[in-house]
Amino acid sequence: MIIEGSISVKEAILNNKREIEVVYIDKEKKTKDFNFIRKTCKNNNIKIEELNNKKNEFFIKEFKLEPLK
């Protein structure tokens, strides 16, 4: 299952109802929400993969996602 959007990802991490294998984050995102996600993942031993623009484009095309602005 793929969960998209910072609010949905935060809820999934905090509720512990789903097994989370990895969280993908755009390297350029440095907002309070994204920093919270990074910190929470680290504290819960959840793998984080920070993506550059080229990898972001692959995921957007491969999974037909809408890029976050």
PDB file of N, CA and C in Angstrom:
ATOM      1  N   MET A   1       0.850  -1.164   0.000  1.00  0.00           N
ATOM      2  CA  MET A   1       0.000   0.000   0.000  1.00  0.00           C
ATOM      3  C   MET A   1       0.904   1.238   0.000  1.00  0.00           C
ATOM      4  N   ILE A   2       0.524   2.218  -0.760  1.00  0.00           N
ATOM      5  CA  ILE A   2       1.245   3.482  -0.779  1.00  0.00           C
ATOM      6  C   ILE A   2       0.357   4.536  -0.150  1.00  0.00           C
ATOM      7  N   ILE A   3       0.917   5.256   0.802  1.00  0.00           N
ATOM      8  CA  ILE A   3       0.199   6.360   1.453  1.00  0.00           C
ATOM      9  C   ILE A   3       0.871   7.642   1.001  1.00  0.00           C
ATOM     10  N   GLU A   4       0.085   8.586   0.536  1.00  0.00           N
ATOM     11  CA  GLU A   4       0.614   9.820  -0.024  1.00  0.00           C
ATOM     12  C   GLU A   4       0.121  11.017   0.790  1.00  0.00           C
ATOM     13  N   GLY A   5       1.005  11.982   0.982  1.00  0.00           N
ATOM     14  CA  GLY A   5       0.654  13.214   1.673  1.00  0.00           C
ATOM     15  C   GLY A   5       1.164  13.218   3.093  1.00  0.00           C
ATOM     16  N   SER A   6       1.659  14.363   3.523  1.00  0.00           N
ATOM     17  CA  SER A   6       2.302  14.441   4.838  1.00  0.00           C
ATOM     18  C   SER A   6       1.342  14.125   5.987  1.00  0.00           C
ATOM     19  N   ILE A   7       0.106  14.577   5.913  1.00  0.00           N
ATOM     20  CA  ILE A   7      -0.857  14.313   6.997  1.00  0.00           C
ATOM     21  C   ILE A   7      -1.161  12.820   7.086  1.00  0.00           C
ATOM     22  N   SER A   8      -1.392  12.181   5.959  1.00  0.00           N
ATOM     23  CA  SER A   8      -1.678  10.738   5.944  1.00  0.00           C
ATOM     24  C   SER A   8      -0.489   9.931   6.441  1.00  0.00           C
ATOM     25  N   VAL A   9       0.705  10.327   6.040  1.00  0.00           N
ATOM     26  CA  VAL A   9       1.911   9.618   6.471  1.00  0.00           C
ATOM     27  C   VAL A   9       2.113   9.790   7.974  1.00  0.00           C
ATOM     28  N   LYS A  10       1.931  11.010   8.485  1.00  0.00           N
ATOM     29  CA  LYS A  10       2.062  11.237   9.936  1.00  0.00           C
ATOM     30  C   LYS A  10       1.082  10.371  10.706  1.00  0.00           C
ATOM     31  N   GLU A  11      -0.163  10.310  10.268  1.00  0.00           N
ATOM     32  CA  GLU A  11      -1.179   9.507  10.957  1.00  0.00           C
ATOM     33  C   GLU A  11      -0.815   8.029  10.940  1.00  0.00           C
ATOM     34  N   ALA A  12      -0.331   7.537   9.798  1.00  0.00           N
ATOM     35  CA  ALA A  12       0.046   6.125   9.704  1.00  0.00           C
ATOM     36  C   ALA A  12       1.194   5.804  10.655  1.00  0.00           C
ATOM     37  N   ILE A  13       2.159   6.706  10.757  1.00  0.00           N
ATOM     38  CA  ILE A  13       3.301   6.487  11.653  1.00  0.00           C
ATOM     39  C   ILE A  13       2.857   6.520  13.113  1.00  0.00           C
ATOM     40  N   LEU A  14       2.046   7.491  13.460  1.00  0.00           N
ATOM     41  CA  LEU A  14       1.651   7.678  14.859  1.00  0.00           C
ATOM     42  C   LEU A  14       0.666   6.630  15.354  1.00  0.00           C
ATOM     43  N   ASN A  15      -0.193   6.107  14.479  1.00  0.00           N
ATOM     44  CA  ASN A  15      -1.229   5.165  14.905  1.00  0.00           C
ATOM     45  C   ASN A  15      -0.739   3.731  15.043  1.00  0.00           C
ATOM     46  N   ASN A  16       0.406   3.407  14.457  1.00  0.00           N
ATOM     47  CA  ASN A  16       0.974   2.056  14.546  1.00  0.00           C
ATOM     48  C   ASN A  16       0.003   0.957  14.136  1.00  0.00           C
ATOM     49  N   LYS A  17      -0.929   1.249  13.236  1.00  0.00           N
ATOM     50  CA  LYS A  17      -1.881   0.231  12.793  1.00  0.00           C
ATOM     51  C   LYS A  17      -1.430  -0.446  11.511  1.00  0.00           C
ATOM     52  N   ARG A  18      -0.431   0.134  10.846  1.00  0.00           N
ATOM     53  CA  ARG A  18       0.081  -0.424   9.602  1.00  0.00           C
ATOM     54  C   ARG A  18       1.581  -0.637   9.735  1.00  0.00           C
ATOM     55  N   GLU A  19       2.056  -1.685   9.102  1.00  0.00           N
ATOM     56  CA  GLU A  19       3.497  -1.895   9.055  1.00  0.00           C
ATOM     57  C   GLU A  19       4.062  -0.985   7.965  1.00  0.00           C
ATOM     58  N   ILE A  20       4.992  -0.146   8.338  1.00  0.00           N
ATOM     59  CA  ILE A  20       5.591   0.798   7.398  1.00  0.00           C
ATOM     60  C   ILE A  20       7.011   0.334   7.109  1.00  0.00           C
ATOM     61  N   GLU A  21       7.272   0.044   5.842  1.00  0.00           N
ATOM     62  CA  GLU A  21       8.593  -0.442   5.445  1.00  0.00           C
ATOM     63  C   GLU A  21       9.559   0.706   5.198  1.00  0.00           C
ATOM     64  N   VAL A  22       9.096   1.724   4.501  1.00  0.00           N
ATOM     65  CA  VAL A  22       9.961   2.849   4.156  1.00  0.00           C
ATOM     66  C   VAL A  22       9.108   4.084   3.898  1.00  0.00           C
ATOM     67  N   VAL A  23       9.656   5.230   4.222  1.00  0.00           N
ATOM     68  CA  VAL A  23       9.008   6.509   3.930  1.00  0.00           C
ATOM     69  C   VAL A  23       9.907   7.250   2.947  1.00  0.00           C
ATOM     70  N   TYR A  24       9.333   7.640   1.822  1.00  0.00           N
ATOM     71  CA  TYR A  24      10.063   8.398   0.812  1.00  0.00           C
ATOM     72  C   TYR A  24       9.738   9.870   0.967  1.00  0.00           C
ATOM     73  N   ILE A  25      10.794  10.694   1.043  1.00  0.00           N
ATOM     74  CA  ILE A  25      10.621  12.135   1.230  1.00  0.00           C
ATOM     75  C   ILE A  25      11.496  12.872   0.226  1.00  0.00           C
ATOM     76  N   ASP A  26      10.951  13.917  -0.343  1.00  0.00           N
ATOM     77  CA  ASP A  26      11.727  14.801  -1.225  1.00  0.00           C
ATOM     78  C   ASP A  26      12.794  15.493  -0.387  1.00  0.00           C
ATOM     79  N   LYS A  27      14.045  15.414  -0.830  1.00  0.00           N
ATOM     80  CA  LYS A  27      15.160  16.044  -0.105  1.00  0.00           C
ATOM     81  C   LYS A  27      14.941  17.531   0.124  1.00  0.00           C
ATOM     82  N   GLU A  28      14.235  18.176  -0.784  1.00  0.00           N
ATOM     83  CA  GLU A  28      14.038  19.626  -0.718  1.00  0.00           C
ATOM     84  C   GLU A  28      12.993  20.040   0.324  1.00  0.00           C
ATOM     85  N   LYS A  29      12.160  19.112   0.773  1.00  0.00           N
ATOM     86  CA  LYS A  29      11.096  19.436   1.729  1.00  0.00           C
ATOM     87  C   LYS A  29      11.688  19.585   3.129  1.00  0.00           C
ATOM     88  N   LYS A  30      11.684  20.787   3.652  1.00  0.00           N
ATOM     89  CA  LYS A  30      12.251  21.074   4.976  1.00  0.00           C
ATOM     90  C   LYS A  30      11.227  21.766   5.885  1.00  0.00           C
ATOM     91  N   THR A  31       9.952  21.485   5.665  1.00  0.00           N
ATOM     92  CA  THR A  31       8.910  22.113   6.469  1.00  0.00           C
ATOM     93  C   THR A  31       8.813  21.443   7.839  1.00  0.00           C
ATOM     94  N   LYS A  32       8.029  22.050   8.709  1.00  0.00           N
ATOM     95  CA  LYS A  32       7.802  21.499  10.046  1.00  0.00           C
ATOM     96  C   LYS A  32       7.205  20.091   9.963  1.00  0.00           C
ATOM     97  N   ASP A  33       6.247  19.878   9.066  1.00  0.00           N
ATOM     98  CA  ASP A  33       5.622  18.562   8.915  1.00  0.00           C
ATOM     99  C   ASP A  33       6.627  17.505   8.473  1.00  0.00           C
ATOM    100  N   PHE A  34       7.423  17.831   7.476  1.00  0.00           N
ATOM    101  CA  PHE A  34       8.387  16.853   6.970  1.00  0.00           C
ATOM    102  C   PHE A  34       9.486  16.585   7.984  1.00  0.00           C
ATOM    103  N   ASN A  35       9.907  17.601   8.706  1.00  0.00           N
ATOM    104  CA  ASN A  35      10.912  17.385   9.755  1.00  0.00           C
ATOM    105  C   ASN A  35      10.349  16.520  10.880  1.00  0.00           C
ATOM    106  N   PHE A  36       9.067  16.703  11.192  1.00  0.00           N
ATOM    107  CA  PHE A  36       8.398  15.856  12.190  1.00  0.00           C
ATOM    108  C   PHE A  36       8.383  14.399  11.717  1.00  0.00           C
ATOM    109  N   ILE A  37       8.062  14.189  10.441  1.00  0.00           N
ATOM    110  CA  ILE A  37       8.038  12.835   9.883  1.00  0.00           C
ATOM    111  C   ILE A  37       9.425  12.208   9.974  1.00  0.00           C
ATOM    112  N   ARG A  38      10.453  12.960   9.599  1.00  0.00           N
ATOM    113  CA  ARG A  38      11.830  12.442   9.677  1.00  0.00           C
ATOM    114  C   ARG A  38      12.177  12.019  11.109  1.00  0.00           C
ATOM    115  N   LYS A  39      11.884  12.900  12.062  1.00  0.00           N
ATOM    116  CA  LYS A  39      12.209  12.635  13.468  1.00  0.00           C
ATOM    117  C   LYS A  39      11.430  11.420  13.995  1.00  0.00           C
ATOM    118  N   THR A  40      10.144  11.358  13.686  1.00  0.00           N
ATOM    119  CA  THR A  40       9.306  10.264  14.160  1.00  0.00           C
ATOM    120  C   THR A  40       9.740   8.931  13.560  1.00  0.00           C
ATOM    121  N   CYS A  41      10.091   8.940  12.282  1.00  0.00           N
ATOM    122  CA  CYS A  41      10.587   7.719  11.647  1.00  0.00           C
ATOM    123  C   CYS A  41      11.876   7.259  12.317  1.00  0.00           C
ATOM    124  N   LYS A  42      12.763   8.192  12.553  1.00  0.00           N
ATOM    125  CA  LYS A  42      14.030   7.843  13.195  1.00  0.00           C
ATOM    126  C   LYS A  42      13.789   7.239  14.582  1.00  0.00           C
ATOM    127  N   ASN A  43      12.899   7.839  15.354  1.00  0.00           N
ATOM    128  CA  ASN A  43      12.596   7.347  16.700  1.00  0.00           C
ATOM    129  C   ASN A  43      11.915   5.987  16.697  1.00  0.00           C
ATOM    130  N   ASN A  44      11.221   5.651  15.590  1.00  0.00           N
ATOM    131  CA  ASN A  44      10.499   4.382  15.486  1.00  0.00           C
ATOM    132  C   ASN A  44      11.205   3.370  14.585  1.00  0.00           C
ATOM    133  N   ASN A  45      12.467   3.647  14.259  1.00  0.00           N
ATOM    134  CA  ASN A  45      13.267   2.749  13.415  1.00  0.00           C
ATOM    135  C   ASN A  45      12.598   2.433  12.079  1.00  0.00           C
ATOM    136  N   ILE A  46      11.999   3.447  11.467  1.00  0.00           N
ATOM    137  CA  ILE A  46      11.401   3.313  10.143  1.00  0.00           C
ATOM    138  C   ILE A  46      12.386   3.899   9.137  1.00  0.00           C
ATOM    139  N   LYS A  47      12.671   3.130   8.105  1.00  0.00           N
ATOM    140  CA  LYS A  47      13.626   3.559   7.086  1.00  0.00           C
ATOM    141  C   LYS A  47      13.086   4.781   6.334  1.00  0.00           C
ATOM    142  N   ILE A  48      13.960   5.742   6.105  1.00  0.00           N
ATOM    143  CA  ILE A  48      13.624   6.944   5.338  1.00  0.00           C
ATOM    144  C   ILE A  48      14.529   6.975   4.121  1.00  0.00           C
ATOM    145  N   GLU A  49      13.936   7.199   2.966  1.00  0.00           N
ATOM    146  CA  GLU A  49      14.731   7.398   1.758  1.00  0.00           C
ATOM    147  C   GLU A  49      14.405   8.779   1.201  1.00  0.00           C
ATOM    148  N   GLU A  50      15.417   9.623   1.195  1.00  0.00           N
ATOM    149  CA  GLU A  50      15.231  10.982   0.683  1.00  0.00           C
ATOM    150  C   GLU A  50      15.551  10.980  -0.803  1.00  0.00           C
ATOM    151  N   LEU A  51      14.608  11.459  -1.595  1.00  0.00           N
ATOM    152  CA  LEU A  51      14.708  11.384  -3.044  1.00  0.00           C
ATOM    153  C   LEU A  51      15.092  12.720  -3.663  1.00  0.00           C
ATOM    154  N   ASN A  52      15.871  12.635  -4.725  1.00  0.00           N
ATOM    155  CA  ASN A  52      16.152  13.839  -5.500  1.00  0.00           C
ATOM    156  C   ASN A  52      15.083  13.966  -6.587  1.00  0.00           C
ATOM    157  N   ASN A  53      15.163  14.999  -7.388  1.00  0.00           N
ATOM    158  CA  ASN A  53      14.133  15.249  -8.400  1.00  0.00           C
ATOM    159  C   ASN A  53      13.993  14.115  -9.404  1.00  0.00           C
ATOM    160  N   LYS A  54      15.097  13.478  -9.788  1.00  0.00           N
ATOM    161  CA  LYS A  54      15.027  12.405 -10.784  1.00  0.00           C
ATOM    162  C   LYS A  54      14.250  11.206 -10.237  1.00  0.00           C
ATOM    163  N   LYS A  55      14.531  10.823  -8.994  1.00  0.00           N
ATOM    164  CA  LYS A  55      13.800   9.706  -8.388  1.00  0.00           C
ATOM    165  C   LYS A  55      12.344  10.076  -8.152  1.00  0.00           C
ATOM    166  N   ASN A  56      12.076  11.328  -7.773  1.00  0.00           N
ATOM    167  CA  ASN A  56      10.693  11.775  -7.584  1.00  0.00           C
ATOM    168  C   ASN A  56       9.896  11.608  -8.867  1.00  0.00           C
ATOM    169  N   GLU A  57      10.476  12.001  -9.987  1.00  0.00           N
ATOM    170  CA  GLU A  57       9.791  11.886 -11.270  1.00  0.00           C
ATOM    171  C   GLU A  57       9.467  10.432 -11.584  1.00  0.00           C
ATOM    172  N   PHE A  58      10.385   9.511 -11.262  1.00  0.00           N
ATOM    173  CA  PHE A  58      10.137   8.089 -11.486  1.00  0.00           C
ATOM    174  C   PHE A  58       8.923   7.620 -10.689  1.00  0.00           C
ATOM    175  N   PHE A  59       8.873   7.951  -9.396  1.00  0.00           N
ATOM    176  CA  PHE A  59       7.761   7.518  -8.551  1.00  0.00           C
ATOM    177  C   PHE A  59       6.445   8.122  -9.011  1.00  0.00           C
ATOM    178  N   ILE A  60       6.476   9.372  -9.396  1.00  0.00           N
ATOM    179  CA  ILE A  60       5.253  10.037  -9.857  1.00  0.00           C
ATOM    180  C   ILE A  60       4.707   9.333 -11.092  1.00  0.00           C
ATOM    181  N   LYS A  61       5.588   9.009 -12.046  1.00  0.00           N
ATOM    182  CA  LYS A  61       5.146   8.322 -13.268  1.00  0.00           C
ATOM    183  C   LYS A  61       4.770   6.873 -12.997  1.00  0.00           C
ATOM    184  N   GLU A  62       5.602   6.173 -12.245  1.00  0.00           N
ATOM    185  CA  GLU A  62       5.386   4.740 -12.012  1.00  0.00           C
ATOM    186  C   GLU A  62       4.100   4.456 -11.239  1.00  0.00           C
ATOM    187  N   PHE A  63       3.809   5.267 -10.236  1.00  0.00           N
ATOM    188  CA  PHE A  63       2.633   5.023  -9.385  1.00  0.00           C
ATOM    189  C   PHE A  63       1.500   5.991  -9.634  1.00  0.00           C
ATOM    190  N   LYS A  64       1.648   6.815 -10.693  1.00  0.00           N
ATOM    191  CA  LYS A  64       0.604   7.779 -11.092  1.00  0.00           C
ATOM    192  C   LYS A  64       0.200   8.670  -9.918  1.00  0.00           C
ATOM    193  N   LEU A  65       1.205   9.223  -9.231  1.00  0.00           N
ATOM    194  CA  LEU A  65       0.979  10.089  -8.087  1.00  0.00           C
ATOM    195  C   LEU A  65       0.911  11.541  -8.515  1.00  0.00           C
ATOM    196  N   GLU A  66       0.306  12.341  -7.708  1.00  0.00           N
ATOM    197  CA  GLU A  66       0.297  13.780  -7.911  1.00  0.00           C
ATOM    198  C   GLU A  66       1.440  14.356  -7.082  1.00  0.00           C
ATOM    199  N   PRO A  67       2.330  15.144  -7.698  1.00  0.00           N
ATOM    200  CA  PRO A  67       3.423  15.734  -6.916  1.00  0.00           C
ATOM    201  C   PRO A  67       2.889  16.711  -5.885  1.00  0.00           C
ATOM    202  N   LEU A  68       3.491  16.677  -4.677  1.00  0.00           N
ATOM    203  CA  LEU A  68       3.091  17.600  -3.620  1.00  0.00           C
ATOM    204  C   LEU A  68       3.749  18.941  -3.848  1.00  0.00           C
ATOM    205  N   LYS A  69       3.025  20.002  -3.567  1.00  0.00           N
ATOM    206  CA  LYS A  69       3.572  21.342  -3.752  1.00  0.00           C
ATOM    207  C   LYS A  69       3.827  21.989  -2.443  1.00  0.00           C
TER     208      LYS A  69
END
